[in-house]
Amino acid sequence: MAFAWGAKMTLDYGTPILVVDDYHTMVRIIRNLLKQLGFEGVDEACDGQAALEKLREKEYGLVISDWNMEPMTGYEFLRHVRADERLKATPFIMVTAESKTDNVIAAKRAGASNYIVKPFNAQTLKNKIEAVCGA
């Protein structure tokens, strides 16, 4: 069963969040936006494989992942998360610089909880998190 687009789970500001992006500057930007919003426990991974390892070691209340990464894309990473019984309900926000309708549809079909197009600000991130987690 795929995680429903827009389905809500409860997330408090102390819940760990995993930010996945192979571009360290983007990780830092998202981390700073999350800090502005009051989230404290933010971990990072540089690609989908590293993120899967972290998800198997620690429980996260939210994953925010870039679409375009090497060697495992965010889309492939999302599919691995949704295929794993223990991880499949984890709220997952896909981030990309591309606003192609095909990508949004593919992310939704693969089980993304929501989708953000770069660039975005703290308010946009907050709205997406609230839509997904009811934070």
N, C-alpha and C. Protein backbone atom coordinates (compact mmCIF):
# COMPACT_ATOMS: atom_id res chain seq x y z
N MET A 1 0.84 -1.19 0.00
CA MET A 1 0.00 0.00 0.00
C MET A 1 0.88 1.25 0.00
N ALA A 2 0.69 2.11 -0.93
CA ALA A 2 1.47 3.33 -1.03
C ALA A 2 0.95 4.35 -0.03
N PHE A 3 1.84 5.20 0.44
CA PHE A 3 1.46 6.28 1.35
C PHE A 3 0.64 7.28 0.56
N ALA A 4 -0.52 7.63 1.05
CA ALA A 4 -1.44 8.50 0.30
C ALA A 4 -0.93 9.93 0.26
N TRP A 5 -0.99 10.53 -0.91
CA TRP A 5 -0.63 11.93 -1.08
C TRP A 5 -1.51 12.76 -0.17
N GLY A 6 -0.90 13.54 0.69
CA GLY A 6 -1.67 14.41 1.56
C GLY A 6 -2.14 13.73 2.85
N ALA A 7 -1.87 12.43 3.03
CA ALA A 7 -2.24 11.77 4.28
C ALA A 7 -1.43 12.40 5.40
N LYS A 8 -2.05 12.55 6.55
CA LYS A 8 -1.37 13.26 7.64
C LYS A 8 -0.95 12.32 8.76
N MET A 9 0.22 12.59 9.28
CA MET A 9 0.71 11.94 10.48
C MET A 9 1.12 13.07 11.41
N THR A 10 1.17 12.78 12.69
CA THR A 10 1.56 13.81 13.64
C THR A 10 3.07 13.94 13.68
N LEU A 11 3.55 15.16 13.66
CA LEU A 11 4.98 15.42 13.75
C LEU A 11 5.19 16.56 14.72
N ASP A 12 6.01 16.32 15.76
CA ASP A 12 6.31 17.43 16.65
C ASP A 12 7.69 17.98 16.27
N TYR A 13 8.02 19.13 16.81
CA TYR A 13 9.24 19.82 16.42
C TYR A 13 10.50 19.12 16.92
N GLY A 14 10.36 18.14 17.79
CA GLY A 14 11.51 17.37 18.26
C GLY A 14 11.74 16.10 17.48
N THR A 15 10.84 15.77 16.58
CA THR A 15 10.95 14.56 15.78
C THR A 15 12.11 14.68 14.80
N PRO A 16 12.96 13.65 14.71
CA PRO A 16 14.08 13.72 13.77
C PRO A 16 13.61 13.78 12.31
N ILE A 17 14.30 14.61 11.54
CA ILE A 17 14.02 14.77 10.11
C ILE A 17 15.30 14.42 9.36
N LEU A 18 15.15 13.69 8.27
CA LEU A 18 16.30 13.34 7.44
C LEU A 18 16.23 14.13 6.14
N VAL A 19 17.27 14.91 5.87
CA VAL A 19 17.38 15.69 4.63
C VAL A 19 18.40 14.99 3.74
N VAL A 20 17.98 14.69 2.50
CA VAL A 20 18.82 13.92 1.58
C VAL A 20 19.06 14.74 0.31
N ASP A 21 20.32 15.06 0.06
CA ASP A 21 20.68 15.82 -1.14
C ASP A 21 22.17 15.67 -1.36
N ASP A 22 22.60 15.49 -2.60
CA ASP A 22 24.02 15.35 -2.87
C ASP A 22 24.72 16.71 -3.02
N TYR A 23 23.95 17.78 -2.92
CA TYR A 23 24.50 19.13 -3.00
C TYR A 23 24.49 19.72 -1.59
N HIS A 24 25.67 19.79 -0.97
CA HIS A 24 25.74 20.16 0.44
C HIS A 24 25.14 21.53 0.74
N THR A 25 25.25 22.46 -0.19
CA THR A 25 24.68 23.80 0.02
C THR A 25 23.16 23.70 0.19
N MET A 26 22.52 22.85 -0.60
CA MET A 26 21.06 22.69 -0.48
C MET A 26 20.69 22.06 0.85
N VAL A 27 21.48 21.10 1.31
CA VAL A 27 21.24 20.50 2.63
C VAL A 27 21.29 21.59 3.69
N ARG A 28 22.30 22.45 3.60
CA ARG A 28 22.46 23.52 4.59
C ARG A 28 21.27 24.48 4.53
N ILE A 29 20.80 24.82 3.33
CA ILE A 29 19.65 25.72 3.18
C ILE A 29 18.41 25.10 3.83
N ILE A 30 18.14 23.84 3.51
CA ILE A 30 16.95 23.18 4.08
C ILE A 30 17.08 23.06 5.59
N ARG A 31 18.27 22.70 6.08
CA ARG A 31 18.51 22.61 7.53
C ARG A 31 18.21 23.96 8.20
N ASN A 32 18.70 25.05 7.60
CA ASN A 32 18.46 26.40 8.16
C ASN A 32 16.97 26.76 8.14
N LEU A 33 16.27 26.41 7.05
CA LEU A 33 14.83 26.68 6.99
C LEU A 33 14.09 25.90 8.07
N LEU A 34 14.47 24.63 8.25
CA LEU A 34 13.83 23.81 9.29
C LEU A 34 14.10 24.39 10.67
N LYS A 35 15.32 24.88 10.89
CA LYS A 35 15.67 25.48 12.18
C LYS A 35 14.82 26.74 12.42
N GLN A 36 14.64 27.56 11.35
CA GLN A 36 13.78 28.76 11.45
C GLN A 36 12.37 28.37 11.87
N LEU A 37 11.91 27.22 11.39
CA LEU A 37 10.56 26.76 11.69
C LEU A 37 10.46 26.10 13.07
N GLY A 38 11.60 25.88 13.72
CA GLY A 38 11.59 25.32 15.07
C GLY A 38 11.97 23.85 15.16
N PHE A 39 12.34 23.23 14.06
CA PHE A 39 12.76 21.83 14.08
C PHE A 39 14.23 21.76 14.48
N GLU A 40 14.54 20.81 15.37
CA GLU A 40 15.90 20.75 15.90
C GLU A 40 16.68 19.54 15.45
N GLY A 41 16.06 18.38 15.42
CA GLY A 41 16.77 17.14 15.12
C GLY A 41 16.83 16.86 13.64
N VAL A 42 17.77 17.50 12.95
CA VAL A 42 17.89 17.32 11.50
C VAL A 42 19.18 16.58 11.18
N ASP A 43 19.04 15.43 10.54
CA ASP A 43 20.19 14.66 10.07
C ASP A 43 20.26 14.80 8.56
N GLU A 44 21.39 14.41 7.99
CA GLU A 44 21.55 14.53 6.54
C GLU A 44 22.21 13.29 5.96
N ALA A 45 21.93 13.09 4.69
CA ALA A 45 22.57 12.03 3.91
C ALA A 45 22.85 12.60 2.53
N CYS A 46 23.94 12.14 1.91
CA CYS A 46 24.37 12.72 0.63
C CYS A 46 23.81 11.99 -0.58
N ASP A 47 23.16 10.84 -0.36
CA ASP A 47 22.52 10.13 -1.47
C ASP A 47 21.51 9.13 -0.92
N GLY A 48 20.76 8.51 -1.83
CA GLY A 48 19.71 7.59 -1.42
C GLY A 48 20.22 6.39 -0.65
N GLN A 49 21.36 5.83 -1.04
CA GLN A 49 21.89 4.66 -0.35
C GLN A 49 22.27 5.00 1.09
N ALA A 50 22.96 6.12 1.28
CA ALA A 50 23.33 6.55 2.63
C ALA A 50 22.07 6.84 3.45
N ALA A 51 21.05 7.40 2.82
CA ALA A 51 19.80 7.70 3.50
C ALA A 51 19.09 6.42 3.95
N LEU A 52 19.08 5.41 3.10
CA LEU A 52 18.46 4.13 3.47
C LEU A 52 19.14 3.55 4.70
N GLU A 53 20.46 3.62 4.75
CA GLU A 53 21.20 3.11 5.91
C GLU A 53 20.79 3.87 7.17
N LYS A 54 20.67 5.18 7.08
CA LYS A 54 20.26 5.98 8.24
C LYS A 54 18.84 5.63 8.67
N LEU A 55 17.94 5.46 7.70
CA LEU A 55 16.55 5.12 8.01
C LEU A 55 16.44 3.76 8.70
N ARG A 56 17.35 2.87 8.41
CA ARG A 56 17.31 1.54 9.03
C ARG A 56 17.92 1.55 10.42
N GLU A 57 18.69 2.61 10.73
CA GLU A 57 19.33 2.73 12.04
C GLU A 57 18.51 3.56 13.02
N LYS A 58 17.71 4.49 12.52
CA LYS A 58 17.02 5.46 13.37
C LYS A 58 15.64 5.75 12.78
N GLU A 59 14.68 6.01 13.64
CA GLU A 59 13.33 6.33 13.16
C GLU A 59 13.21 7.83 12.92
N TYR A 60 12.75 8.19 11.72
CA TYR A 60 12.56 9.59 11.36
C TYR A 60 11.08 9.88 11.17
N GLY A 61 10.68 11.10 11.56
CA GLY A 61 9.30 11.50 11.40
C GLY A 61 9.01 12.08 10.03
N LEU A 62 10.08 12.39 9.28
CA LEU A 62 9.92 13.00 7.95
C LEU A 62 11.23 12.86 7.18
N VAL A 63 11.10 12.58 5.89
CA VAL A 63 12.24 12.60 4.97
C VAL A 63 11.98 13.69 3.94
N ILE A 64 12.99 14.52 3.71
CA ILE A 64 12.94 15.53 2.66
C ILE A 64 14.10 15.20 1.72
N SER A 65 13.77 14.79 0.50
CA SER A 65 14.80 14.31 -0.41
C SER A 65 14.77 15.00 -1.76
N ASP A 66 15.97 15.27 -2.27
CA ASP A 66 16.11 15.79 -3.62
C ASP A 66 15.79 14.69 -4.62
N TRP A 67 15.30 15.07 -5.79
CA TRP A 67 15.00 14.13 -6.86
C TRP A 67 16.28 13.74 -7.59
N ASN A 68 17.09 14.75 -7.95
CA ASN A 68 18.28 14.54 -8.79
C ASN A 68 19.52 14.29 -7.95
N MET A 69 19.87 13.03 -7.77
CA MET A 69 21.06 12.65 -7.03
C MET A 69 21.73 11.49 -7.74
N GLU A 70 23.00 11.31 -7.46
CA GLU A 70 23.77 10.17 -7.94
C GLU A 70 24.36 9.46 -6.73
N PRO A 71 24.59 8.19 -6.71
CA PRO A 71 24.24 7.25 -7.76
C PRO A 71 22.78 6.79 -7.69
N MET A 72 22.12 6.94 -6.54
CA MET A 72 20.70 6.58 -6.41
C MET A 72 19.87 7.85 -6.41
N THR A 73 18.96 7.99 -7.35
CA THR A 73 18.12 9.19 -7.42
C THR A 73 17.12 9.21 -6.27
N GLY A 74 16.54 10.38 -6.05
CA GLY A 74 15.51 10.50 -5.02
C GLY A 74 14.29 9.65 -5.34
N TYR A 75 13.99 9.53 -6.61
CA TYR A 75 12.87 8.69 -7.04
C TYR A 75 13.14 7.22 -6.70
N GLU A 76 14.34 6.74 -7.00
CA GLU A 76 14.71 5.35 -6.65
C GLU A 76 14.70 5.16 -5.14
N PHE A 77 15.23 6.15 -4.42
CA PHE A 77 15.25 6.10 -2.96
C PHE A 77 13.83 6.01 -2.42
N LEU A 78 12.92 6.83 -2.93
CA LEU A 78 11.52 6.80 -2.52
C LEU A 78 10.92 5.41 -2.75
N ARG A 79 11.20 4.83 -3.89
CA ARG A 79 10.66 3.49 -4.19
C ARG A 79 11.18 2.44 -3.20
N HIS A 80 12.44 2.56 -2.80
CA HIS A 80 13.00 1.64 -1.79
C HIS A 80 12.31 1.83 -0.44
N VAL A 81 12.09 3.09 -0.06
CA VAL A 81 11.43 3.38 1.21
C VAL A 81 10.02 2.80 1.21
N ARG A 82 9.27 3.02 0.15
CA ARG A 82 7.88 2.53 0.09
C ARG A 82 7.80 1.01 -0.01
N ALA A 83 8.87 0.35 -0.48
CA ALA A 83 8.87 -1.11 -0.59
C ALA A 83 9.26 -1.79 0.73
N ASP A 84 9.79 -1.02 1.67
CA ASP A 84 10.24 -1.57 2.94
C ASP A 84 9.11 -1.49 3.97
N GLU A 85 8.69 -2.64 4.47
CA GLU A 85 7.56 -2.70 5.41
C GLU A 85 7.73 -1.75 6.60
N ARG A 86 8.94 -1.67 7.14
CA ARG A 86 9.18 -0.85 8.33
C ARG A 86 9.22 0.65 8.01
N LEU A 87 9.58 1.00 6.79
CA LEU A 87 9.77 2.41 6.43
C LEU A 87 8.63 3.00 5.61
N LYS A 88 7.77 2.17 5.06
CA LYS A 88 6.84 2.63 4.02
C LYS A 88 5.86 3.72 4.46
N ALA A 89 5.59 3.85 5.74
CA ALA A 89 4.65 4.89 6.20
C ALA A 89 5.34 6.21 6.52
N THR A 90 6.67 6.27 6.37
CA THR A 90 7.41 7.50 6.69
C THR A 90 6.99 8.63 5.74
N PRO A 91 6.56 9.77 6.28
CA PRO A 91 6.24 10.91 5.41
C PRO A 91 7.46 11.31 4.59
N PHE A 92 7.24 11.60 3.32
CA PHE A 92 8.35 11.81 2.39
C PHE A 92 8.01 12.98 1.46
N ILE A 93 8.81 14.04 1.54
CA ILE A 93 8.62 15.20 0.66
C ILE A 93 9.75 15.19 -0.36
N MET A 94 9.37 15.19 -1.64
CA MET A 94 10.33 15.20 -2.74
C MET A 94 10.61 16.65 -3.13
N VAL A 95 11.89 16.98 -3.31
CA VAL A 95 12.31 18.32 -3.69
C VAL A 95 13.01 18.25 -5.04
N THR A 96 12.68 19.17 -5.93
CA THR A 96 13.35 19.19 -7.23
C THR A 96 13.36 20.59 -7.82
N ALA A 97 14.29 20.80 -8.73
CA ALA A 97 14.34 22.07 -9.47
C ALA A 97 13.42 22.03 -10.67
N GLU A 98 12.93 20.84 -11.00
CA GLU A 98 12.08 20.67 -12.18
C GLU A 98 10.61 20.60 -11.79
N SER A 99 9.80 21.39 -12.46
CA SER A 99 8.37 21.38 -12.15
C SER A 99 7.59 20.61 -13.21
N LYS A 100 8.28 19.70 -13.90
CA LYS A 100 7.62 18.91 -14.95
C LYS A 100 6.46 18.12 -14.36
N THR A 101 5.33 18.18 -15.01
CA THR A 101 4.15 17.45 -14.57
C THR A 101 4.43 15.95 -14.47
N ASP A 102 5.21 15.43 -15.42
CA ASP A 102 5.55 14.00 -15.41
C ASP A 102 6.26 13.60 -14.12
N ASN A 103 7.17 14.47 -13.65
CA ASN A 103 7.89 14.17 -12.41
C ASN A 103 6.97 14.19 -11.20
N VAL A 104 6.07 15.16 -11.15
CA VAL A 104 5.13 15.24 -10.05
C VAL A 104 4.25 13.99 -10.03
N ILE A 105 3.76 13.59 -11.18
CA ILE A 105 2.91 12.39 -11.28
C ILE A 105 3.70 11.14 -10.88
N ALA A 106 4.95 11.04 -11.36
CA ALA A 106 5.79 9.88 -11.03
C ALA A 106 6.05 9.82 -9.52
N ALA A 107 6.34 10.97 -8.91
CA ALA A 107 6.59 11.02 -7.47
C ALA A 107 5.33 10.61 -6.70
N LYS A 108 4.20 11.10 -7.14
CA LYS A 108 2.93 10.77 -6.48
C LYS A 108 2.65 9.28 -6.59
N ARG A 109 2.83 8.72 -7.79
CA ARG A 109 2.58 7.29 -7.99
C ARG A 109 3.53 6.43 -7.17
N ALA A 110 4.78 6.91 -6.99
CA ALA A 110 5.77 6.16 -6.22
C ALA A 110 5.53 6.27 -4.73
N GLY A 111 4.65 7.19 -4.33
CA GLY A 111 4.29 7.30 -2.91
C GLY A 111 4.80 8.52 -2.19
N ALA A 112 5.24 9.55 -2.92
CA ALA A 112 5.67 10.78 -2.24
C ALA A 112 4.47 11.39 -1.51
N SER A 113 4.71 11.86 -0.31
CA SER A 113 3.64 12.49 0.48
C SER A 113 3.34 13.88 -0.06
N ASN A 114 4.39 14.55 -0.58
CA ASN A 114 4.22 15.88 -1.15
C ASN A 114 5.44 16.20 -2.00
N TYR A 115 5.43 17.37 -2.64
CA TYR A 115 6.41 17.72 -3.65
C TYR A 115 6.70 19.21 -3.55
N ILE A 116 7.98 19.60 -3.55
CA ILE A 116 8.36 21.01 -3.51
C ILE A 116 9.27 21.31 -4.68
N VAL A 117 9.01 22.41 -5.37
CA VAL A 117 9.86 22.84 -6.48
C VAL A 117 10.78 23.95 -5.97
N LYS A 118 12.10 23.80 -6.25
CA LYS A 118 13.08 24.83 -5.90
C LYS A 118 12.93 26.01 -6.84
N PRO A 119 13.23 27.22 -6.42
CA PRO A 119 13.55 27.59 -5.05
C PRO A 119 12.29 27.70 -4.21
N PHE A 120 12.44 27.56 -2.90
CA PHE A 120 11.30 27.71 -2.00
C PHE A 120 11.77 28.40 -0.73
N ASN A 121 10.82 28.90 0.04
CA ASN A 121 11.16 29.61 1.27
C ASN A 121 10.62 28.85 2.49
N ALA A 122 10.85 29.41 3.67
CA ALA A 122 10.44 28.75 4.91
C ALA A 122 8.93 28.54 4.96
N GLN A 123 8.16 29.51 4.49
CA GLN A 123 6.70 29.39 4.53
C GLN A 123 6.21 28.25 3.64
N THR A 124 6.79 28.13 2.46
CA THR A 124 6.42 27.04 1.55
C THR A 124 6.75 25.69 2.20
N LEU A 125 7.95 25.59 2.78
CA LEU A 125 8.35 24.35 3.44
C LEU A 125 7.41 24.04 4.60
N LYS A 126 7.08 25.05 5.38
CA LYS A 126 6.16 24.87 6.50
C LYS A 126 4.80 24.37 6.01
N ASN A 127 4.28 24.98 4.96
CA ASN A 127 2.98 24.56 4.42
C ASN A 127 3.00 23.10 3.96
N LYS A 128 4.09 22.69 3.30
CA LYS A 128 4.21 21.31 2.84
C LYS A 128 4.30 20.35 4.01
N ILE A 129 5.08 20.71 5.03
CA ILE A 129 5.22 19.85 6.20
C ILE A 129 3.87 19.73 6.92
N GLU A 130 3.17 20.84 7.07
CA GLU A 130 1.86 20.81 7.72
C GLU A 130 0.86 19.97 6.92
N ALA A 131 0.93 20.06 5.59
CA ALA A 131 0.03 19.27 4.75
C ALA A 131 0.28 17.77 4.93
N VAL A 132 1.53 17.41 5.13
CA VAL A 132 1.91 16.01 5.25
C VAL A 132 1.79 15.49 6.68
N CYS A 133 2.21 16.31 7.63
CA CYS A 133 2.34 15.83 9.00
C CYS A 133 1.42 16.49 10.01
N GLY A 134 0.73 17.52 9.61
CA GLY A 134 -0.12 18.22 10.55
C GLY A 134 0.67 18.92 11.65
N ALA A 135 1.92 19.31 11.33
CA ALA A 135 2.81 19.92 12.33
C ALA A 135 2.28 21.27 12.78
